[in-house]
Amino acid sequence: MDWEIIGELDMNFGERLIQARKALGLNQSELARRTGITRSAISQLERDESRRLSMDNLFKVAKVLQVNPEWLATGEGTSRGGFYPLPADDEAQAIALRVDRLDRKQRDALKRLLDSLEP
């Protein structure tokens, strides 16, 4: 598919989610079925009543909706573009999910540690 979702620059997460879902002609129930996220949770996300979406679920939604997860989460970048899946290796995926739960200060400390380990 070679198209870009064009929307207002100040769209919130819920609006981006609705726009991407409708662009593929999906209803909330079908998105829920394809992602394994409940329809109720999707409805709450679309209404911005919930901000609780794990990185794992963000990537699932982005993959189903064929959008860039960064755009979906933040509105930055382009809606279409590289999809960045979680690592296939279970251990690397577990690490990626744990990193997702770190706050900015913890991530900066982890980045410094990883930079010091590079050969």
Protein backbone atom coordinates (compact mmCIF):
# COMPACT_ATOMS: atom_id res chain seq x y z
CA MET A 1 0.00 0.00 0.00
CA ASP A 2 1.53 3.32 -1.02
CA TRP A 3 -0.44 6.01 0.75
CA GLU A 4 -0.06 8.34 3.67
CA ILE A 5 -2.62 9.22 6.31
CA ILE A 6 -2.95 12.97 6.26
CA GLY A 7 -4.43 14.54 9.36
CA GLU A 8 -4.27 17.54 11.55
CA LEU A 9 -0.90 18.14 13.16
CA ASP A 10 -2.40 18.25 16.63
CA MET A 11 -4.29 14.95 16.49
CA ASN A 12 -4.14 12.97 19.70
CA PHE A 13 -3.44 9.25 19.94
CA GLY A 14 -7.11 8.31 19.84
CA GLU A 15 -7.72 10.36 16.72
CA ARG A 16 -4.72 8.81 14.98
CA LEU A 17 -5.92 5.34 15.97
CA ILE A 18 -9.42 6.01 14.59
CA GLN A 19 -8.07 7.50 11.38
CA ALA A 20 -5.71 4.58 10.74
CA ARG A 21 -8.38 2.01 11.60
CA LYS A 22 -10.96 3.59 9.31
CA ALA A 23 -8.40 3.98 6.51
CA LEU A 24 -8.28 0.17 6.37
CA GLY A 25 -12.05 -0.15 6.71
CA LEU A 26 -11.82 -1.92 10.07
CA ASN A 27 -14.27 -1.59 12.92
CA GLN A 28 -13.21 -1.79 16.56
CA SER A 29 -14.26 -5.43 16.85
CA GLU A 30 -12.15 -6.49 13.88
CA LEU A 31 -9.12 -4.55 15.18
CA ALA A 32 -9.63 -6.23 18.55
CA ARG A 33 -9.78 -9.67 16.93
CA ARG A 34 -6.63 -9.09 14.89
CA THR A 35 -4.59 -7.67 17.79
CA GLY A 36 -5.88 -9.67 20.74
CA ILE A 37 -6.76 -6.44 22.55
CA THR A 38 -10.33 -6.17 23.83
CA ARG A 39 -12.80 -4.03 21.90
CA SER A 40 -13.49 -2.16 25.12
CA ALA A 41 -9.79 -1.29 25.49
CA ILE A 42 -9.64 -0.10 21.87
CA SER A 43 -12.72 2.04 22.45
CA GLN A 44 -11.12 3.60 25.53
CA LEU A 45 -7.90 4.27 23.62
CA GLU A 46 -9.81 5.92 20.79
CA ARG A 47 -11.65 8.16 23.26
CA ASP A 48 -8.35 8.96 25.02
CA GLU A 49 -9.83 7.55 28.22
CA SER A 50 -6.84 5.26 28.60
CA ARG A 51 -3.14 5.82 28.05
CA ARG A 52 -2.26 2.26 29.06
CA LEU A 53 -0.93 0.63 25.94
CA SER A 54 2.16 -1.51 26.30
CA MET A 55 4.89 -1.34 23.71
CA ASP A 56 4.00 -4.88 22.69
CA ASN A 57 0.37 -3.89 22.04
CA LEU A 58 1.41 -0.65 20.32
CA PHE A 59 3.45 -2.69 17.87
CA LYS A 60 0.60 -5.16 17.36
CA VAL A 61 -1.83 -2.33 16.58
CA ALA A 62 0.67 -0.56 14.31
CA LYS A 63 1.35 -3.78 12.42
CA VAL A 64 -2.34 -4.54 11.87
CA LEU A 65 -3.04 -0.93 10.84
CA GLN A 66 0.08 -0.85 8.66
CA VAL A 67 1.34 2.37 10.24
CA ASN A 68 4.58 3.54 11.74
CA PRO A 69 4.38 2.87 15.51
CA GLU A 70 6.22 6.13 16.25
CA TRP A 71 3.58 8.10 14.35
CA LEU A 72 0.77 6.22 16.06
CA ALA A 73 2.22 6.82 19.53
CA THR A 74 3.45 10.40 19.14
CA GLY A 75 2.17 11.86 15.88
CA GLU A 76 5.76 12.43 14.80
CA GLY A 77 7.26 11.17 11.59
CA THR A 78 5.13 9.79 8.81
CA SER A 79 2.18 7.50 9.26
CA ARG A 80 3.55 5.15 6.63
CA GLY A 81 7.04 3.90 6.82
CA GLY A 82 9.17 1.36 8.49
CA PHE A 83 7.47 -0.98 10.86
CA TYR A 84 9.83 -1.89 13.63
CA PRO A 85 8.83 -5.27 15.01
CA LEU A 86 9.90 -6.58 18.38
CA PRO A 87 12.91 -8.88 18.24
CA ALA A 88 12.09 -12.50 17.41
CA ASP A 89 14.34 -13.81 20.18
CA ASP A 90 12.30 -14.25 23.41
CA GLU A 91 15.07 -12.91 25.64
CA ALA A 92 15.63 -9.81 23.48
CA GLN A 93 11.87 -9.22 23.36
CA ALA A 94 11.64 -9.45 27.16
CA ILE A 95 14.47 -6.92 27.45
CA ALA A 96 12.78 -4.56 24.95
CA LEU A 97 9.53 -4.73 26.91
CA ARG A 98 11.34 -4.01 30.18
CA VAL A 99 13.11 -1.02 28.61
CA ASP A 100 9.69 0.29 27.59
CA ARG A 101 8.73 0.58 31.26
CA LEU A 102 11.78 2.66 32.23
CA ASP A 103 11.46 6.36 32.83
CA ARG A 104 13.65 8.88 30.94
CA LYS A 105 16.35 8.99 33.64
CA GLN A 106 16.59 5.19 33.75
CA ARG A 107 16.75 4.98 29.95
CA ASP A 108 19.55 7.53 29.86
CA ALA A 109 21.49 5.49 32.45
CA LEU A 110 20.90 2.31 30.45
CA LYS A 111 22.05 4.01 27.25
CA ARG A 112 25.28 5.14 28.95
CA LEU A 113 25.85 1.58 30.21
CA LEU A 114 25.26 0.09 26.75
CA ASP A 115 27.52 2.70 25.13
CA SER A 116 30.30 1.73 27.54
CA LEU A 117 29.98 -1.94 26.53
CA GLU A 118 30.41 -1.38 22.81
CA PRO A 119 33.77 -2.61 21.45
